[in-house]
C-alpha atoms as a PDB file:
ATOM      1  CA  UNK A   1       0.000   0.000   0.000  1.00  0.00           C
ATOM      2  CA  UNK A   2       1.519   3.261  -1.119  1.00  0.00           C
ATOM      3  CA  UNK A   3       0.510   6.432   0.608  1.00  0.00           C
ATOM      4  CA  UNK A   4       0.834   9.661  -1.244  1.00  0.00           C
ATOM      5  CA  UNK A   5       1.662  12.715   0.750  1.00  0.00           C
ATOM      6  CA  UNK A   6      -1.355  15.029   0.671  1.00  0.00           C
ATOM      7  CA  UNK A   7      -0.384  18.677   0.698  1.00  0.00           C
ATOM      8  CA  UNK A   8      -2.921  21.238   1.786  1.00  0.00           C
ATOM      9  CA  UNK A   9      -3.601  24.213  -0.416  1.00  0.00           C
ATOM     10  CA  UNK A  10      -4.329  27.339   1.587  1.00  0.00           C
ATOM     11  CA  UNK A  11      -6.545  30.033   0.083  1.00  0.00           C
ATOM     12  CA  UNK A  12      -7.251  33.469   1.496  1.00  0.00           C
ATOM     13  CA  UNK A  13     -10.720  34.287   2.856  1.00  0.00           C
ATOM     14  CA  UNK A  14     -11.174  36.696  -0.055  1.00  0.00           C
ATOM     15  CA  UNK A  15     -10.511  33.940  -2.633  1.00  0.00           C
ATOM     16  CA  UNK A  16     -12.904  31.551  -0.871  1.00  0.00           C
ATOM     17  CA  UNK A  17     -15.549  34.305  -0.626  1.00  0.00           C
ATOM     18  CA  UNK A  18     -15.448  34.698  -4.426  1.00  0.00           C
ATOM     19  CA  UNK A  19     -15.941  30.940  -4.905  1.00  0.00           C
ATOM     20  CA  UNK A  20     -18.790  30.679  -2.378  1.00  0.00           C
ATOM     21  CA  UNK A  21     -20.456  33.955  -3.337  1.00  0.00           C
ATOM     22  CA  UNK A  22     -20.424  35.712   0.035  1.00  0.00           C
ATOM     23  CA  UNK A  23     -18.318  38.406   1.696  1.00  0.00           C
ATOM     24  CA  UNK A  24     -14.959  37.639   3.255  1.00  0.00           C
ATOM     25  CA  UNK A  25     -16.369  38.689   6.656  1.00  0.00           C
ATOM     26  CA  UNK A  26     -19.032  35.957   6.342  1.00  0.00           C
ATOM     27  CA  UNK A  27     -16.305  33.428   5.553  1.00  0.00           C
ATOM     28  CA  UNK A  28     -14.314  34.534   8.622  1.00  0.00           C
ATOM     29  CA  UNK A  29     -17.434  34.371  10.828  1.00  0.00           C
ATOM     30  CA  UNK A  30     -18.290  30.881   9.511  1.00  0.00           C
ATOM     31  CA  UNK A  31     -14.694  29.774  10.182  1.00  0.00           C
ATOM     32  CA  UNK A  32     -15.033  30.789  13.826  1.00  0.00           C
ATOM     33  CA  UNK A  33     -18.617  29.504  14.209  1.00  0.00           C
ATOM     34  CA  UNK A  34     -18.119  26.105  12.542  1.00  0.00           C
ATOM     35  CA  UNK A  35     -14.432  25.673  13.329  1.00  0.00           C
ATOM     36  CA  UNK A  36     -14.698  21.924  13.867  1.00  0.00           C
ATOM     37  CA  UNK A  37     -15.713  21.476  10.196  1.00  0.00           C
ATOM     38  CA  UNK A  38     -13.415  24.100   8.660  1.00  0.00           C
ATOM     39  CA  UNK A  39      -9.632  23.884   8.603  1.00  0.00           C
ATOM     40  CA  UNK A  40      -8.235  27.405   8.737  1.00  0.00           C
ATOM     41  CA  UNK A  41      -5.391  29.393  10.157  1.00  0.00           C
ATOM     42  CA  UNK A  42      -5.115  33.002  11.063  1.00  0.00           C
ATOM     43  CA  UNK A  43      -2.159  34.973   9.759  1.00  0.00           C
ATOM     44  CA  UNK A  44      -0.830  38.431  10.399  1.00  0.00           C
ATOM     45  CA  UNK A  45      -3.235  41.384  10.451  1.00  0.00           C
ATOM     46  CA  UNK A  46      -6.237  39.084  11.038  1.00  0.00           C
ATOM     47  CA  UNK A  47      -5.856  37.506   7.596  1.00  0.00           C
ATOM     48  CA  UNK A  48      -7.561  34.118   7.337  1.00  0.00           C
ATOM     49  CA  UNK A  49      -6.269  31.219   5.254  1.00  0.00           C
ATOM     50  CA  UNK A  50      -8.652  28.315   4.640  1.00  0.00           C
ATOM     51  CA  UNK A  51      -7.824  24.866   3.317  1.00  0.00           C
ATOM     52  CA  UNK A  52      -9.116  24.276  -0.207  1.00  0.00           C
ATOM     53  CA  UNK A  53     -10.753  21.070   1.130  1.00  0.00           C
ATOM     54  CA  UNK A  54     -13.254  23.207   3.050  1.00  0.00           C
ATOM     55  CA  UNK A  55     -14.767  25.080   0.070  1.00  0.00           C
ATOM     56  CA  UNK A  56     -17.600  22.524  -0.208  1.00  0.00           C
ATOM     57  CA  UNK A  57     -18.383  22.813   3.519  1.00  0.00           C
ATOM     58  CA  UNK A  58     -18.595  26.598   3.274  1.00  0.00           C
ATOM     59  CA  UNK A  59     -20.826  26.349   0.204  1.00  0.00           C
ATOM     60  CA  UNK A  60     -23.085  23.895   2.058  1.00  0.00           C
ATOM     61  CA  UNK A  61     -23.258  26.180   5.128  1.00  0.00           C
ATOM     62  CA  UNK A  62     -24.113  29.130   2.865  1.00  0.00           C
ATOM     63  CA  UNK A  63     -26.886  27.087   1.200  1.00  0.00           C
ATOM     64  CA  UNK A  64     -28.377  26.082   4.576  1.00  0.00           C
ATOM     65  CA  UNK A  65     -28.265  29.665   5.883  1.00  0.00           C
ATOM     66  CA  UNK A  66     -29.644  31.408   2.812  1.00  0.00           C
ATOM     67  CA  UNK A  67     -32.198  28.951   1.416  1.00  0.00           C
ATOM     68  CA  UNK A  68     -33.426  27.190   4.537  1.00  0.00           C
ATOM     69  CA  UNK A  69     -32.572  29.936   7.033  1.00  0.00           C
ATOM     70  CA  UNK A  70     -31.346  27.154   9.364  1.00  0.00           C
ATOM     71  CA  UNK A  71     -30.161  28.068  12.887  1.00  0.00           C
ATOM     72  CA  UNK A  72     -26.627  27.384  14.076  1.00  0.00           C
ATOM     73  CA  UNK A  73     -27.505  24.222  16.009  1.00  0.00           C
ATOM     74  CA  UNK A  74     -29.342  22.683  13.055  1.00  0.00           C
ATOM     75  CA  UNK A  75     -26.473  23.465  10.686  1.00  0.00           C
ATOM     76  CA  UNK A  76     -24.049  21.665  13.035  1.00  0.00           C
ATOM     77  CA  UNK A  77     -26.330  18.595  13.122  1.00  0.00           C
ATOM     78  CA  UNK A  78     -26.749  18.539   9.331  1.00  0.00           C
ATOM     79  CA  UNK A  79     -22.994  18.883   8.781  1.00  0.00           C
ATOM     80  CA  UNK A  80     -22.439  15.982  11.154  1.00  0.00           C
ATOM     81  CA  UNK A  81     -25.125  13.823   9.456  1.00  0.00           C
ATOM     82  CA  UNK A  82     -23.800  14.601   5.983  1.00  0.00           C
ATOM     83  CA  UNK A  83     -20.428  13.220   7.100  1.00  0.00           C
ATOM     84  CA  UNK A  84     -18.309  16.284   6.567  1.00  0.00           C
ATOM     85  CA  UNK A  85     -14.793  15.914   7.905  1.00  0.00           C
ATOM     86  CA  UNK A  86     -14.218  17.238  11.424  1.00  0.00           C
ATOM     87  CA  UNK A  87     -11.010  18.965  12.405  1.00  0.00           C
ATOM     88  CA  UNK A  88      -9.591  19.065  15.886  1.00  0.00           C
ATOM     89  CA  UNK A  89      -8.440  22.451  17.073  1.00  0.00           C
ATOM     90  CA  UNK A  90      -5.096  22.196  18.790  1.00  0.00           C
ATOM     91  CA  UNK A  91      -3.899  24.799  21.218  1.00  0.00           C
ATOM     92  CA  UNK A  92      -0.641  25.861  19.592  1.00  0.00           C
ATOM     93  CA  UNK A  93       0.811  27.082  22.879  1.00  0.00           C
ATOM     94  CA  UNK A  94       0.489  23.583  24.371  1.00  0.00           C
ATOM     95  CA  UNK A  95       1.979  22.032  21.239  1.00  0.00           C
ATOM     96  CA  UNK A  96       4.834  24.536  21.258  1.00  0.00           C
ATOM     97  CA  UNK A  97       5.437  23.928  24.972  1.00  0.00           C
ATOM     98  CA  UNK A  98       5.548  20.152  24.434  1.00  0.00           C
ATOM     99  CA  UNK A  99       7.793  20.647  21.443  1.00  0.00           C
ATOM    100  CA  UNK A 100      10.050  22.887  23.514  1.00  0.00           C
ATOM    101  CA  UNK A 101      10.293  20.227  26.228  1.00  0.00           C
ATOM    102  CA  UNK A 102      11.103  17.550  23.662  1.00  0.00           C
ATOM    103  CA  UNK A 103      13.639  19.805  22.004  1.00  0.00           C
ATOM    104  CA  UNK A 104      15.216  20.576  25.370  1.00  0.00           C
ATOM    105  CA  UNK A 105      15.438  16.865  26.184  1.00  0.00           C
ATOM    106  CA  UNK A 106      16.955  16.189  22.779  1.00  0.00           C
ATOM    107  CA  UNK A 107      19.356  19.066  23.316  1.00  0.00           C
ATOM    108  CA  UNK A 108      20.343  17.704  26.717  1.00  0.00           C
ATOM    109  CA  UNK A 109      20.963  14.341  25.118  1.00  0.00           C
ATOM    110  CA  UNK A 110      22.931  16.085  22.446  1.00  0.00           C
ATOM    111  CA  UNK A 111      24.970  17.930  25.086  1.00  0.00           C
ATOM    112  CA  UNK A 112      25.882  14.592  26.664  1.00  0.00           C
ATOM    113  CA  UNK A 113      26.967  13.346  23.257  1.00  0.00           C
ATOM    114  CA  UNK A 114      28.974  16.516  22.714  1.00  0.00           C
ATOM    115  CA  UNK A 115      30.662  16.108  26.093  1.00  0.00           C
ATOM    116  CA  UNK A 116      31.571  12.541  25.194  1.00  0.00           C
ATOM    117  CA  UNK A 117      32.956  13.608  21.822  1.00  0.00           C
ATOM    118  CA  UNK A 118      34.942  16.436  23.412  1.00  0.00           C
ATOM    119  CA  UNK A 119      36.364  14.027  25.995  1.00  0.00           C
ATOM    120  CA  UNK A 120      37.381  11.596  23.244  1.00  0.00           C
ATOM    121  CA  UNK A 121      38.970  14.379  21.198  1.00  0.00           C
ATOM    122  CA  UNK A 122      40.801  15.692  24.256  1.00  0.00           C
ATOM    123  CA  UNK A 123      42.120  12.226  25.054  1.00  0.00           C
ATOM    124  CA  UNK A 124      43.216  11.788  21.446  1.00  0.00           C
ATOM    125  CA  UNK A 125      44.928  15.199  21.481  1.00  0.00           C
ATOM    126  CA  UNK A 126      46.743  14.320  24.709  1.00  0.00           C
ATOM    127  CA  UNK A 127      47.926  11.010  23.227  1.00  0.00           C
ATOM    128  CA  UNK A 128      49.071  12.793  20.068  1.00  0.00           C
ATOM    129  CA  UNK A 129      50.929  15.360  22.156  1.00  0.00           C
ATOM    130  CA  UNK A 130      52.587  12.602  24.207  1.00  0.00           C
ATOM    131  CA  UNK A 131      53.567  10.792  21.001  1.00  0.00           C
ATOM    132  CA  UNK A 132      55.047  14.017  19.600  1.00  0.00           C
ATOM    133  CA  UNK A 133      57.052  14.524  22.796  1.00  0.00           C
ATOM    134  CA  UNK A 134      58.276  10.920  22.605  1.00  0.00           C
ATOM    135  CA  UNK A 135      59.274  11.451  18.975  1.00  0.00           C
ATOM    136  CA  UNK A 136      61.115  14.662  19.894  1.00  0.00           C
ATOM    137  CA  UNK A 137      62.942  12.892  22.715  1.00  0.00           C
ATOM    138  CA  UNK A 138      63.932  10.047  20.385  1.00  0.00           C
ATOM    139  CA  UNK A 139      65.115  12.566  17.787  1.00  0.00           C
ATOM    140  CA  UNK A 140      67.198  14.423  20.383  1.00  0.00           C
ATOM    141  CA  UNK A 141      68.681  11.139  21.641  1.00  0.00           C
ATOM    142  CA  UNK A 142      69.713  10.213  18.085  1.00  0.00           C
ATOM    143  CA  UNK A 143      71.236  13.681  17.643  1.00  0.00           C
ATOM    144  CA  UNK A 144      73.190  13.302  20.891  1.00  0.00           C
ATOM    145  CA  UNK A 145      74.430   9.869  19.827  1.00  0.00           C
ATOM    146  CA  UNK A 146      75.480  11.271  16.450  1.00  0.00           C
ATOM    147  CA  UNK A 147      77.319  14.135  18.180  1.00  0.00           C
ATOM    148  CA  UNK A 148      79.067  11.677  20.525  1.00  0.00           C
ATOM    149  CA  UNK A 149      80.104   9.541  17.560  1.00  0.00           C
ATOM    150  CA  UNK A 150      81.427  12.629  15.734  1.00  0.00           C
ATOM    151  CA  UNK A 151      83.311  13.748  18.861  1.00  0.00           C
ATOM    152  CA  UNK A 152      84.839  10.278  19.266  1.00  0.00           C
ATOM    153  CA  UNK A 153      85.873  10.261  15.598  1.00  0.00           C
ATOM    154  CA  UNK A 154      87.426  13.730  15.991  1.00  0.00           C
ATOM    155  CA  UNK A 155      89.308  12.606  19.113  1.00  0.00           C
ATOM    156  CA  UNK A 156      90.563   9.546  17.276  1.00  0.00           C
ATOM    157  CA  UNK A 157      91.631  11.720  14.354  1.00  0.00           C
ATOM    158  CA  UNK A 158      93.414  14.115  16.741  1.00  0.00           C
ATOM    159  CA  UNK A 159      95.063  11.172  18.511  1.00  0.00           C
ATOM    160  CA  UNK A 160      96.149   9.715  15.184  1.00  0.00           C
ATOM    161  CA  UNK A 161      97.550  13.102  14.142  1.00  0.00           C
ATOM    162  CA  UNK A 162      99.296  13.452  17.496  1.00  0.00           C
ATOM    163  CA  UNK A 163     100.529   9.892  17.210  1.00  0.00           C
ATOM    164  CA  UNK A 164     101.856  10.439  13.686  1.00  0.00           C
ATOM    165  CA  UNK A 165     103.490  13.736  14.775  1.00  0.00           C
ATOM    166  CA  UNK A 166     105.015  11.938  17.745  1.00  0.00           C
ATOM    167  CA  UNK A 167     106.221   9.205  15.468  1.00  0.00           C
ATOM    168  CA  UNK A 168     107.748  11.745  13.081  1.00  0.00           C
ATOM    169  CA  UNK A 169     109.409  13.477  16.024  1.00  0.00           C
ATOM    170  CA  UNK A 170     110.669  10.162  17.341  1.00  0.00           C
ATOM    171  CA  UNK A 171     112.079   9.275  13.938  1.00  0.00           C
ATOM    172  CA  UNK A 172     113.821  12.640  13.744  1.00  0.00           C
ATOM    173  CA  UNK A 173     115.220  12.152  17.212  1.00  0.00           C
ATOM    174  CA  UNK A 174     116.389   8.658  16.292  1.00  0.00           C
ATOM    175  CA  UNK A 175     118.111   9.976  13.204  1.00  0.00           C
ATOM    176  CA  UNK A 176     119.731  12.717  15.190  1.00  0.00           C
ATOM    177  CA  UNK A 177     120.908  10.185  17.769  1.00  0.00           C
ATOM    178  CA  UNK A 178     122.376   8.045  15.056  1.00  0.00           C
ATOM    179  CA  UNK A 179     124.603  10.855  14.001  1.00  0.00           C
ATOM    180  CA  UNK A 180     127.725  11.422  15.962  1.00  0.00           C
ATOM    181  CA  UNK A 181     127.757  13.874  18.745  1.00  0.00           C
ATOM    182  CA  UNK A 182     130.303  15.905  16.817  1.00  0.00           C
ATOM    183  CA  UNK A 183     128.030  16.422  13.850  1.00  0.00           C
ATOM    184  CA  UNK A 184     125.124  17.135  16.025  1.00  0.00           C
ATOM    185  CA  UNK A 185     126.899  20.058  17.541  1.00  0.00           C
ATOM    186  CA  UNK A 186     128.277  21.551  14.395  1.00  0.00           C
ATOM    187  CA  UNK A 187     125.028  21.280  12.374  1.00  0.00           C
ATOM    188  CA  UNK A 188     123.232  23.475  14.669  1.00  0.00           C
END
């Protein structure tokens, strides 16, 4: 079973009055008098909008009033007997209050969800920050190790240079010692 969405068409009291053949004031009065059979809403500046479904009801009411001069009570009974659709008037303030309560409850639920999300994001941010600090520490440790290695290599190079200089000096001294003491004195 497929249900089609039925959209209401709202017409102004003036448009309905033209269709029914009465004044717009009569239409407004009938809306208020027979409100359980007429679906209407009141807009700004006391402008009435009536559902297009209710044109037949208004025509029927006009016929009963003008041709039969029927009183209010009799018109209500005839409308009921004829099976015209009845509409329930809903106090919009009550509906809005209930809607506000539901919205508030939904908002409170939403606030709890938001708190949970914020807590999760905060925890994630803290973990990320800790990971970044760990990465920085590891990077600095590698840098320190590299610097130590470079310093050790430089020391070894300096020691090798010193060692080779010492060896050269020792060789020179050995050569000088090999020469006779007489030559050593006169060469200077």
